[in-house]
Structures are given as structure tokens and as C-alpha cells.
C-alpha atoms as a PDB file:
ATOM      1  CA  MET A   1       0.000   0.000   0.000  1.00  0.00           C
ATOM      2  CA  MET A   2       1.475   3.303  -1.066  1.00  0.00           C
ATOM      3  CA  LYS A   3       1.994   6.002   1.524  1.00  0.00           C
ATOM      4  CA  LYS A   4       0.422   9.378   0.962  1.00  0.00           C
ATOM      5  CA  THR A   5       2.948  12.008   0.026  1.00  0.00           C
ATOM      6  CA  PRO A   6       3.139  15.163   2.177  1.00  0.00           C
ATOM      7  CA  PHE A   7       3.373  17.406  -0.874  1.00  0.00           C
ATOM      8  CA  PRO A   8      -0.356  18.366  -1.001  1.00  0.00           C
ATOM      9  CA  ILE A   9      -0.171  19.460   2.637  1.00  0.00           C
ATOM     10  CA  ILE A  10       3.032  21.397   2.021  1.00  0.00           C
ATOM     11  CA  ARG A  11       1.503  23.109  -0.992  1.00  0.00           C
ATOM     12  CA  THR A  12      -1.609  24.033   0.966  1.00  0.00           C
ATOM     13  CA  VAL A  13       0.354  25.414   3.911  1.00  0.00           C
ATOM     14  CA  SER A  14       2.687  27.308   1.559  1.00  0.00           C
ATOM     15  CA  ALA A  15      -0.241  28.783  -0.358  1.00  0.00           C
ATOM     16  CA  TRP A  16      -1.911  29.972   2.855  1.00  0.00           C
ATOM     17  CA  GLY A  17       1.390  31.367   4.090  1.00  0.00           C
ATOM     18  CA  VAL A  18       1.943  33.364   0.906  1.00  0.00           C
ATOM     19  CA  ALA A  19      -1.676  34.569   0.940  1.00  0.00           C
ATOM     20  CA  LEU A  20      -1.409  35.766   4.543  1.00  0.00           C
ATOM     21  CA  PHE A  21       1.938  37.414   3.807  1.00  0.00           C
ATOM     22  CA  LEU A  22       0.417  39.338   0.895  1.00  0.00           C
ATOM     23  CA  PHE A  23      -2.775  40.188   2.780  1.00  0.00           C
ATOM     24  CA  PHE A  24      -1.077  41.413   5.963  1.00  0.00           C
ATOM     25  CA  PRO A  25      -0.167  44.932   4.681  1.00  0.00           C
ATOM     26  CA  LEU A  26      -3.787  45.544   3.671  1.00  0.00           C
ATOM     27  CA  PHE A  27      -5.001  44.218   7.024  1.00  0.00           C
ATOM     28  CA  TRP A  28      -2.595  46.466   8.942  1.00  0.00           C
ATOM     29  CA  LEU A  29      -3.527  49.461   6.799  1.00  0.00           C
ATOM     30  CA  THR A  30      -7.210  48.874   7.542  1.00  0.00           C
ATOM     31  CA  ILE A  31      -6.875  48.606  11.309  1.00  0.00           C
ATOM     32  CA  THR A  32      -4.454  51.552  11.465  1.00  0.00           C
ATOM     33  CA  ALA A  33      -7.033  53.743   9.720  1.00  0.00           C
ATOM     34  CA  PHE A  34      -9.351  53.255  12.703  1.00  0.00           C
ATOM     35  CA  LYS A  35      -6.723  54.192  15.316  1.00  0.00           C
ATOM     36  CA  THR A  36      -5.629  57.448  16.852  1.00  0.00           C
ATOM     37  CA  GLU A  37      -2.160  58.739  16.011  1.00  0.00           C
ATOM     38  CA  GLY A  38      -0.853  57.548  19.384  1.00  0.00           C
ATOM     39  CA  GLN A  39      -2.247  54.060  18.877  1.00  0.00           C
ATOM     40  CA  ALA A  40      -0.864  53.939  15.349  1.00  0.00           C
ATOM     41  CA  ILE A  41       2.653  54.891  16.460  1.00  0.00           C
ATOM     42  CA  ALA A  42       2.522  52.364  19.313  1.00  0.00           C
ATOM     43  CA  ALA A  43       1.362  49.688  16.851  1.00  0.00           C
ATOM     44  CA  GLU A  44      -1.348  48.529  19.226  1.00  0.00           C
ATOM     45  CA  LEU A  45      -3.241  45.451  18.070  1.00  0.00           C
ATOM     46  CA  PHE A  46      -6.145  45.839  20.509  1.00  0.00           C
ATOM     47  CA  PHE A  47      -7.752  49.279  20.589  1.00  0.00           C
ATOM     48  CA  SER A  48     -11.061  51.122  20.522  1.00  0.00           C
ATOM     49  CA  PRO A  49     -11.899  51.933  16.868  1.00  0.00           C
ATOM     50  CA  THR A  50     -12.493  55.552  15.938  1.00  0.00           C
ATOM     51  CA  LEU A  51     -13.525  57.380  12.772  1.00  0.00           C
ATOM     52  CA  ALA A  52     -11.615  60.528  13.724  1.00  0.00           C
ATOM     53  CA  SER A  53      -8.944  60.047  11.048  1.00  0.00           C
ATOM     54  CA  PHE A  54     -11.556  59.661   8.299  1.00  0.00           C
ATOM     55  CA  ALA A  55     -13.347  62.780   9.487  1.00  0.00           C
ATOM     56  CA  GLU A  56     -10.116  64.762   9.528  1.00  0.00           C
ATOM     57  CA  VAL A  57      -9.207  63.592   6.033  1.00  0.00           C
ATOM     58  CA  GLN A  58     -12.554  64.836   4.756  1.00  0.00           C
ATOM     59  CA  VAL A  59     -12.176  68.171   6.595  1.00  0.00           C
ATOM     60  CA  ARG A  60      -8.579  68.749   5.551  1.00  0.00           C
ATOM     61  CA  SER A  61      -8.906  67.499   1.966  1.00  0.00           C
ATOM     62  CA  ASP A  62     -11.752  67.471  -0.517  1.00  0.00           C
ATOM     63  CA  TYR A  63     -11.905  63.701  -0.951  1.00  0.00           C
ATOM     64  CA  LEU A  64     -14.756  63.846  -3.458  1.00  0.00           C
ATOM     65  CA  LEU A  65     -12.739  66.167  -5.723  1.00  0.00           C
ATOM     66  CA  PHE A  66      -9.753  63.796  -5.775  1.00  0.00           C
ATOM     67  CA  ALA A  67     -12.033  60.791  -6.272  1.00  0.00           C
ATOM     68  CA  LYS A  68     -13.827  62.540  -9.144  1.00  0.00           C
ATOM     69  CA  ASN A  69     -10.495  63.352 -10.808  1.00  0.00           C
ATOM     70  CA  SER A  70      -9.362  59.722 -10.477  1.00  0.00           C
ATOM     71  CA  LEU A  71     -12.632  58.469 -11.917  1.00  0.00           C
ATOM     72  CA  ILE A  72     -12.589  60.880 -14.872  1.00  0.00           C
ATOM     73  CA  THR A  73      -8.953  60.306 -15.813  1.00  0.00           C
ATOM     74  CA  SER A  74      -9.241  56.518 -15.481  1.00  0.00           C
ATOM     75  CA  LEU A  75     -12.469  56.154 -17.446  1.00  0.00           C
ATOM     76  CA  VAL A  76     -11.681  58.626 -20.224  1.00  0.00           C
ATOM     77  CA  SER A  77      -8.110  57.373 -20.741  1.00  0.00           C
ATOM     78  CA  THR A  78      -9.351  53.781 -20.891  1.00  0.00           C
ATOM     79  CA  ILE A  79     -12.084  54.606 -23.416  1.00  0.00           C
ATOM     80  CA  LEU A  80      -9.675  56.612 -25.598  1.00  0.00           C
ATOM     81  CA  GLY A  81      -7.101  53.836 -25.390  1.00  0.00           C
ATOM     82  CA  ILE A  82      -9.651  51.215 -26.466  1.00  0.00           C
ATOM     83  CA  LEU A  83     -10.777  53.392 -29.400  1.00  0.00           C
ATOM     84  CA  ILE A  84      -7.168  53.661 -30.592  1.00  0.00           C
ATOM     85  CA  ALA A  85      -5.952  50.159 -29.716  1.00  0.00           C
ATOM     86  CA  VAL A  86      -8.843  48.198 -31.270  1.00  0.00           C
ATOM     87  CA  PRO A  87      -8.287  49.324 -34.897  1.00  0.00           C
ATOM     88  CA  ALA A  88      -4.498  49.154 -34.439  1.00  0.00           C
ATOM     89  CA  ALA A  89      -4.610  45.580 -33.115  1.00  0.00           C
ATOM     90  CA  TYR A  90      -7.219  44.617 -35.729  1.00  0.00           C
ATOM     91  CA  SER A  91      -5.043  45.767 -38.605  1.00  0.00           C
ATOM     92  CA  MET A  92      -1.946  44.068 -37.178  1.00  0.00           C
ATOM     93  CA  ALA A  93      -3.768  40.798 -36.500  1.00  0.00           C
ATOM     94  CA  PHE A  94      -5.672  40.419 -39.780  1.00  0.00           C
ATOM     95  CA  PHE A  95      -3.611  42.496 -42.230  1.00  0.00           C
ATOM     96  CA  PRO A  96      -0.010  41.964 -41.050  1.00  0.00           C
ATOM     97  CA  THR A  97       3.039  43.213 -42.917  1.00  0.00           C
ATOM     98  CA  LYS A  98       6.687  42.288 -42.586  1.00  0.00           C
ATOM     99  CA  ARG A  99       7.074  45.169 -40.089  1.00  0.00           C
ATOM    100  CA  THR A 100       4.173  44.171 -37.820  1.00  0.00           C
ATOM    101  CA  ARG A 101       6.280  42.078 -35.436  1.00  0.00           C
ATOM    102  CA  ASP A 102       8.937  44.807 -35.211  1.00  0.00           C
ATOM    103  CA  ILE A 103       6.285  47.437 -34.421  1.00  0.00           C
ATOM    104  CA  LEU A 104       4.777  45.277 -31.676  1.00  0.00           C
ATOM    105  CA  LEU A 105       8.177  44.648 -30.113  1.00  0.00           C
ATOM    106  CA  TRP A 106       9.002  48.357 -30.299  1.00  0.00           C
ATOM    107  CA  MET A 107       5.727  49.260 -28.609  1.00  0.00           C
ATOM    108  CA  LEU A 108       6.405  46.764 -25.837  1.00  0.00           C
ATOM    109  CA  SER A 109       9.954  48.063 -25.401  1.00  0.00           C
ATOM    110  CA  THR A 110       8.612  51.526 -24.561  1.00  0.00           C
ATOM    111  CA  LYS A 111       7.202  50.079 -21.327  1.00  0.00           C
ATOM    112  CA  MET A 112      10.724  49.102 -20.279  1.00  0.00           C
ATOM    113  CA  MET A 113      11.847  52.721 -20.013  1.00  0.00           C
ATOM    114  CA  PRO A 114      11.484  54.234 -16.526  1.00  0.00           C
ATOM    115  CA  ALA A 115       8.780  56.877 -16.433  1.00  0.00           C
ATOM    116  CA  VAL A 116      11.218  59.370 -14.925  1.00  0.00           C
ATOM    117  CA  GLY A 117      13.172  59.262 -18.196  1.00  0.00           C
ATOM    118  CA  ALA A 118      10.271  60.973 -19.965  1.00  0.00           C
ATOM    119  CA  LEU A 119       9.329  63.323 -17.119  1.00  0.00           C
ATOM    120  CA  VAL A 120      11.275  66.414 -18.235  1.00  0.00           C
ATOM    121  CA  PRO A 121      10.067  66.528 -21.880  1.00  0.00           C
ATOM    122  CA  VAL A 122       6.478  65.701 -20.874  1.00  0.00           C
ATOM    123  CA  TYR A 123       6.532  68.335 -18.130  1.00  0.00           C
ATOM    124  CA  VAL A 124       7.974  70.988 -20.472  1.00  0.00           C
ATOM    125  CA  MET A 125       5.397  70.244 -23.172  1.00  0.00           C
ATOM    126  CA  ALA A 126       2.540  70.375 -20.667  1.00  0.00           C
ATOM    127  CA  GLN A 127       3.856  73.664 -19.277  1.00  0.00           C
ATOM    128  CA  THR A 128       4.298  75.149 -22.758  1.00  0.00           C
ATOM    129  CA  VAL A 129       0.695  74.491 -23.793  1.00  0.00           C
ATOM    130  CA  GLY A 130      -0.703  75.468 -20.383  1.00  0.00           C
ATOM    131  CA  MET A 131      -1.862  71.986 -19.388  1.00  0.00           C
ATOM    132  CA  LEU A 132      -0.090  71.585 -16.055  1.00  0.00           C
ATOM    133  CA  ASP A 133      -2.459  70.669 -13.237  1.00  0.00           C
ATOM    134  CA  SER A 134      -5.170  69.711 -15.709  1.00  0.00           C
ATOM    135  CA  LEU A 135      -7.140  66.538 -16.251  1.00  0.00           C
ATOM    136  CA  THR A 136      -6.421  66.715 -19.972  1.00  0.00           C
ATOM    137  CA  ALA A 137      -2.697  66.247 -19.439  1.00  0.00           C
ATOM    138  CA  LEU A 138      -3.252  63.231 -17.199  1.00  0.00           C
ATOM    139  CA  ILE A 139      -5.720  61.669 -19.624  1.00  0.00           C
ATOM    140  CA  ILE A 140      -3.262  61.991 -22.521  1.00  0.00           C
ATOM    141  CA  VAL A 141      -0.363  60.567 -20.505  1.00  0.00           C
ATOM    142  CA  PHE A 142      -2.431  57.707 -19.067  1.00  0.00           C
ATOM    143  CA  THR A 143      -3.749  56.821 -22.517  1.00  0.00           C
ATOM    144  CA  LEU A 144      -0.319  56.772 -24.142  1.00  0.00           C
ATOM    145  CA  SER A 145       1.326  54.883 -21.293  1.00  0.00           C
ATOM    146  CA  ASN A 146      -1.304  52.104 -21.388  1.00  0.00           C
ATOM    147  CA  LEU A 147      -1.587  51.937 -25.172  1.00  0.00           C
ATOM    148  CA  PRO A 148       1.219  49.364 -25.743  1.00  0.00           C
ATOM    149  CA  ILE A 149      -0.389  46.972 -23.246  1.00  0.00           C
ATOM    150  CA  MET A 150      -3.795  47.466 -24.853  1.00  0.00           C
ATOM    151  CA  VAL A 151      -2.517  46.779 -28.359  1.00  0.00           C
ATOM    152  CA  TRP A 152      -0.646  43.656 -27.291  1.00  0.00           C
ATOM    153  CA  MET A 153      -3.598  42.214 -25.398  1.00  0.00           C
ATOM    154  CA  LEU A 154      -6.080  42.939 -28.174  1.00  0.00           C
ATOM    155  CA  PHE A 155      -3.677  41.645 -30.818  1.00  0.00           C
ATOM    156  CA  SER A 156      -3.485  38.368 -28.901  1.00  0.00           C
ATOM    157  CA  ALA A 157      -7.289  38.205 -28.616  1.00  0.00           C
ATOM    158  CA  PHE A 158      -7.842  38.955 -32.311  1.00  0.00           C
ATOM    159  CA  LYS A 159      -5.265  36.366 -33.415  1.00  0.00           C
ATOM    160  CA  GLU A 160      -7.325  33.602 -31.806  1.00  0.00           C
ATOM    161  CA  VAL A 161     -10.362  34.257 -33.971  1.00  0.00           C
ATOM    162  CA  PRO A 162     -10.686  31.248 -36.333  1.00  0.00           C
ATOM    163  CA  LYS A 163      -9.523  32.173 -39.813  1.00  0.00           C
ATOM    164  CA  ASP A 164     -12.148  29.942 -41.423  1.00  0.00           C
ATOM    165  CA  ILE A 165     -14.907  32.166 -40.051  1.00  0.00           C
ATOM    166  CA  LEU A 166     -13.269  35.297 -41.439  1.00  0.00           C
ATOM    167  CA  GLU A 167     -12.735  33.701 -44.836  1.00  0.00           C
ATOM    168  CA  ALA A 168     -16.394  32.651 -44.991  1.00  0.00           C
ATOM    169  CA  VAL A 169     -17.578  36.140 -44.080  1.00  0.00           C
ATOM    170  CA  ARG A 170     -15.295  37.757 -46.644  1.00  0.00           C
ATOM    171  CA  LEU A 171     -16.481  35.359 -49.333  1.00  0.00           C
ATOM    172  CA  ASP A 172     -20.028  36.459 -48.550  1.00  0.00           C
ATOM    173  CA  GLY A 173     -18.989  40.008 -49.444  1.00  0.00           C
ATOM    174  CA  ALA A 174     -19.001  41.533 -45.965  1.00  0.00           C
ATOM    175  CA  SER A 175     -17.232  44.862 -45.609  1.00  0.00           C
ATOM    176  CA  VAL A 176     -14.501  45.451 -43.043  1.00  0.00           C
ATOM    177  CA  TRP A 177     -16.957  47.193 -40.687  1.00  0.00           C
ATOM    178  CA  GLU A 178     -19.554  44.412 -41.075  1.00  0.00           C
ATOM    179  CA  GLU A 179     -16.875  41.804 -40.437  1.00  0.00           C
ATOM    180  CA  PHE A 180     -15.785  43.578 -37.282  1.00  0.00           C
ATOM    181  CA  GLN A 181     -19.305  44.355 -36.052  1.00  0.00           C
ATOM    182  CA  HIS A 182     -20.908  40.955 -36.603  1.00  0.00           C
ATOM    183  CA  VAL A 183     -17.973  38.551 -36.205  1.00  0.00           C
ATOM    184  CA  ILE A 184     -14.884  40.006 -34.544  1.00  0.00           C
ATOM    185  CA  LEU A 185     -16.612  42.059 -31.864  1.00  0.00           C
ATOM    186  CA  PRO A 186     -18.868  39.259 -30.500  1.00  0.00           C
ATOM    187  CA  LEU A 187     -15.979  36.753 -30.454  1.00  0.00           C
ATOM    188  CA  THR A 188     -13.482  39.084 -28.789  1.00  0.00           C
ATOM    189  CA  MET A 189     -15.752  41.007 -26.421  1.00  0.00           C
ATOM    190  CA  GLY A 190     -14.195  39.161 -23.477  1.00  0.00           C
ATOM    191  CA  GLY A 191     -10.694  40.207 -24.517  1.00  0.00           C
ATOM    192  CA  ILE A 192     -11.753  43.814 -25.055  1.00  0.00           C
ATOM    193  CA  ALA A 193     -13.483  43.929 -21.679  1.00  0.00           C
ATOM    194  CA  SER A 194     -10.444  42.396 -19.968  1.00  0.00           C
ATOM    195  CA  THR A 195      -8.171  44.951 -21.587  1.00  0.00           C
ATOM    196  CA  GLY A 196     -10.376  47.842 -20.534  1.00  0.00           C
ATOM    197  CA  LEU A 197     -10.702  46.614 -16.942  1.00  0.00           C
ATOM    198  CA  LEU A 198      -6.989  46.058 -16.515  1.00  0.00           C
ATOM    199  CA  CYS A 199      -6.036  49.454 -17.918  1.00  0.00           C
ATOM    200  CA  LEU A 200      -8.722  51.116 -15.803  1.00  0.00           C
ATOM    201  CA  VAL A 201      -7.047  49.678 -12.703  1.00  0.00           C
ATOM    202  CA  LEU A 202      -3.592  50.746 -13.936  1.00  0.00           C
ATOM    203  CA  SER A 203      -4.787  54.295 -14.544  1.00  0.00           C
ATOM    204  CA  TRP A 204      -6.509  54.487 -11.157  1.00  0.00           C
ATOM    205  CA  ASN A 205      -3.324  53.372  -9.380  1.00  0.00           C
ATOM    206  CA  GLU A 206      -0.939  55.567 -11.380  1.00  0.00           C
ATOM    207  CA  ALA A 207       0.900  57.841  -8.962  1.00  0.00           C
ATOM    208  CA  PHE A 208       4.073  59.056 -10.679  1.00  0.00           C
ATOM    209  CA  TRP A 209       2.444  61.256 -13.310  1.00  0.00           C
ATOM    210  CA  ALA A 210      -0.307  62.442 -10.987  1.00  0.00           C
ATOM    211  CA  LEU A 211       2.253  63.657  -8.458  1.00  0.00           C
ATOM    212  CA  ASN A 212       4.455  65.406 -11.026  1.00  0.00           C
ATOM    213  CA  LEU A 213       1.886  66.953 -13.378  1.00  0.00           C
ATOM    214  CA  THR A 214      -0.850  68.059 -10.973  1.00  0.00           C
ATOM    215  CA  SER A 215      -1.317  69.858  -7.682  1.00  0.00           C
ATOM    216  CA  ALA A 216      -4.593  71.078  -6.188  1.00  0.00           C
ATOM    217  CA  ASN A 217      -7.031  71.247  -9.106  1.00  0.00           C
ATOM    218  CA  ALA A 218      -6.421  68.005 -11.017  1.00  0.00           C
ATOM    219  CA  GLY A 219      -4.858  65.878  -8.313  1.00  0.00           C
ATOM    220  CA  THR A 220      -5.974  62.248  -8.123  1.00  0.00           C
ATOM    221  CA  LEU A 221      -6.290  60.056  -5.052  1.00  0.00           C
ATOM    222  CA  ALA A 222      -2.578  59.313  -5.327  1.00  0.00           C
ATOM    223  CA  SER A 223      -1.950  63.021  -4.720  1.00  0.00           C
ATOM    224  CA  LEU A 224      -4.299  62.910  -1.729  1.00  0.00           C
ATOM    225  CA  ILE A 225      -2.266  60.114  -0.139  1.00  0.00           C
ATOM    226  CA  ALA A 226       1.030  61.892  -0.782  1.00  0.00           C
ATOM    227  CA  SER A 227      -0.266  65.056   0.889  1.00  0.00           C
ATOM    228  CA  TYR A 228      -0.186  63.306   4.264  1.00  0.00           C
ATOM    229  CA  SER A 229       3.585  63.009   4.130  1.00  0.00           C
ATOM    230  CA  SER A 230       4.957  66.257   5.533  1.00  0.00           C
ATOM    231  CA  PRO A 231       8.315  67.585   6.804  1.00  0.00           C
ATOM    232  CA  GLU A 232       7.006  67.090  10.326  1.00  0.00           C
ATOM    233  CA  GLY A 233       6.733  63.355   9.689  1.00  0.00           C
ATOM    234  CA  LEU A 234       4.163  60.778   8.705  1.00  0.00           C
ATOM    235  CA  PHE A 235       0.745  60.841  10.322  1.00  0.00           C
ATOM    236  CA  TRP A 236       0.154  57.107  10.184  1.00  0.00           C
ATOM    237  CA  ALA A 237      -3.525  57.025  11.163  1.00  0.00           C
ATOM    238  CA  LYS A 238      -4.540  59.805   8.750  1.00  0.00           C
ATOM    239  CA  LEU A 239      -2.282  58.414   6.023  1.00  0.00           C
ATOM    240  CA  SER A 240      -3.874  54.983   6.448  1.00  0.00           C
ATOM    241  CA  ALA A 241      -7.371  56.468   6.408  1.00  0.00           C
ATOM    242  CA  ALA A 242      -6.626  58.419   3.209  1.00  0.00           C
ATOM    243  CA  SER A 243      -5.054  55.331   1.623  1.00  0.00           C
ATOM    244  CA  LEU A 244      -8.006  53.143   2.543  1.00  0.00           C
ATOM    245  CA  MET A 245     -10.437  55.687   1.102  1.00  0.00           C
ATOM    246  CA  ALA A 246      -8.345  55.785  -2.079  1.00  0.00           C
ATOM    247  CA  ILE A 247      -8.026  52.054  -2.664  1.00  0.00           C
ATOM    248  CA  ALA A 248     -11.451  50.938  -1.424  1.00  0.00           C
ATOM    249  CA  PRO A 249     -13.332  51.753  -4.682  1.00  0.00           C
ATOM    250  CA  ILE A 250     -10.828  49.944  -6.904  1.00  0.00           C
ATOM    251  CA  ILE A 251     -10.642  46.950  -4.533  1.00  0.00           C
ATOM    252  CA  VAL A 252     -14.421  46.561  -4.644  1.00  0.00           C
ATOM    253  CA  PHE A 253     -14.361  46.982  -8.417  1.00  0.00           C
ATOM    254  CA  GLY A 254     -11.551  44.439  -8.765  1.00  0.00           C
ATOM    255  CA  TRP A 255     -13.353  41.954  -6.544  1.00  0.00           C
ATOM    256  CA  PHE A 256     -16.461  41.925  -8.732  1.00  0.00           C
ATOM    257  CA  SER A 257     -14.466  41.805 -11.979  1.00  0.00           C
ATOM    258  CA  GLN A 258     -11.641  39.489 -10.880  1.00  0.00           C
ATOM    259  CA  LYS A 259     -12.479  36.876 -13.520  1.00  0.00           C
ATOM    260  CA  GLN A 260     -12.107  39.425 -16.326  1.00  0.00           C
ATOM    261  CA  LEU A 261      -8.939  40.856 -14.749  1.00  0.00           C
ATOM    262  CA  VAL A 262      -7.306  37.432 -14.581  1.00  0.00           C
ATOM    263  CA  GLN A 263      -8.238  36.930 -18.204  1.00  0.00           C
ATOM    264  CA  GLY A 264      -6.694  40.300 -19.000  1.00  0.00           C
ATOM    265  CA  LEU A 265      -3.443  39.385 -17.256  1.00  0.00           C
ATOM    266  CA  THR A 266      -3.212  36.343 -19.539  1.00  0.00           C
ATOM    267  CA  PHE A 267      -3.637  38.622 -22.579  1.00  0.00           C
ATOM    268  CA  GLY A 268      -7.365  38.055 -22.967  1.00  0.00           C
ATOM    269  CA  ALA A 269      -7.263  34.701 -24.694  1.00  0.00           C
ATOM    270  CA  VAL A 270     -10.499  33.844 -26.497  1.00  0.00           C
ATOM    271  CA  LYS A 271     -11.639  30.267 -25.864  1.00  0.00           C
END
């Protein structure tokens, strides 16, 4: 009789250990948000919860303004990116040339450059045209920074559409728009949705450009969090409260769309 191997138990324990390790920062952030500054500094585990930090964040900062800016920049940049990436990926997937692969690799290589390398020219251009501290500047930057990912994901989704279906539709005399509307779009809707959801999350979490291109008027929730770091030190309870208020909407959104996000992380493969 064969003995049971301990590997399933080890895998289970390891998986739970990794999950707890990854979850702990979020857990500590959450409980710290309900502490006073003294309790937060003392790192007390047992305490009487208070909403004072949340109230002070709302009094000191206009949370709704920052949240509105995050929502506008994330949604508009994602929609613009989809409108640009869909025809680009469509043409590369179904009408490739000998340069298509090189263009895709070049687009992907732009994501390897640190964002700080493009900060000075982007900042100067935004200042020259009077777009500093404006939502328009953030929308443009977010759209362009996510565009390579969008094109790659949609290219992968479009490539998995069966060629026999496209050939049959073309033989029937369908135009390019009819082909896309009645065949490509229904078959790749999952990939398009995954791409949009993933880039929406990336735009919402983007902090570098928000901190360097905006201040009071167009600041996003990332700017709100950064405002609680001052020369006097870090106010841990207020910083945690502001952080929790900033990440709560996207966590809830990610929880309900986790299936599509996982699909997006695997380049939106169409089954």
C-alpha cells in the first residue's frame, strides 16, 4: 500500500502562508485607519476603533474632488485607449506586414523605459501648452502609457479568432466594418473587456504622473495620499485612512471583476 505524500499538505500550507503574507499589509492598513495617532505609532493590536482620522481627512482634503479626478482620468483614458488600440490591433492581426512584429516589439519596449526618463520633456510640453495641473494632461499621458499593453492584449485576442470564419464572411462580401461588427466584436468582447478593466485599474493606481503633473485642481487620489507626508513626519492614522479611502473603490471593483482581470493578465485569450 502506497503512503500518501506530504506534498499536497506542504503546498496548501505554503499557499496559505503566501496569501497571509500578501494580505497582511492591507489588514494592517485597515486597522491603522481606525486608530488614533498615538495608537498607530505604538502599533497597538487591541484598541477602541475611531472614525476621527476619516473625518479629519474629509475636513482637511476634498476627498470627493480627488475621487472625481481619479474616476474621470481613469475612465476617459481607458475609453480613448480602447478606441485607438482596437483598430491598431485589428489591422496588425488580420492584415499583417513584414514590419508588424517589429512594431509590436518596439511598442512593448517603450514600457521598459522608466517613467522618470520621460518626465522632463512631458513636463515641459505640458507647461508650454498650459496643461499643467489639468485633467487633460493626465488623460493623454495615461492613454499613451497604457496603449502598448492594450494593443498587445487585443492583438493576442484577435489572433485567436478562427480564420475559417473570417474567410467565410469575406467570401459572402461583408465589408470590413460588417466583419468587425458581426464577427470580430462578439468573439473578442471578453478580450476587449479584460483589456479595458486592466487598464482602468492601472490608470486608477498611477501615482508618478499624478504627483508630477498636478497639484490642487487636477490631483488624483494618489496626490491625496502623498499630501499626508509632511516635513514634520508621517501621520500614520490619517495616512492609512486616506489610503483606505483611495483604494477601497478599486478593490471593490476588482473583486467583482476578478475573472475578467485574470483573463486580461493572460492577454485576454479567447476560448
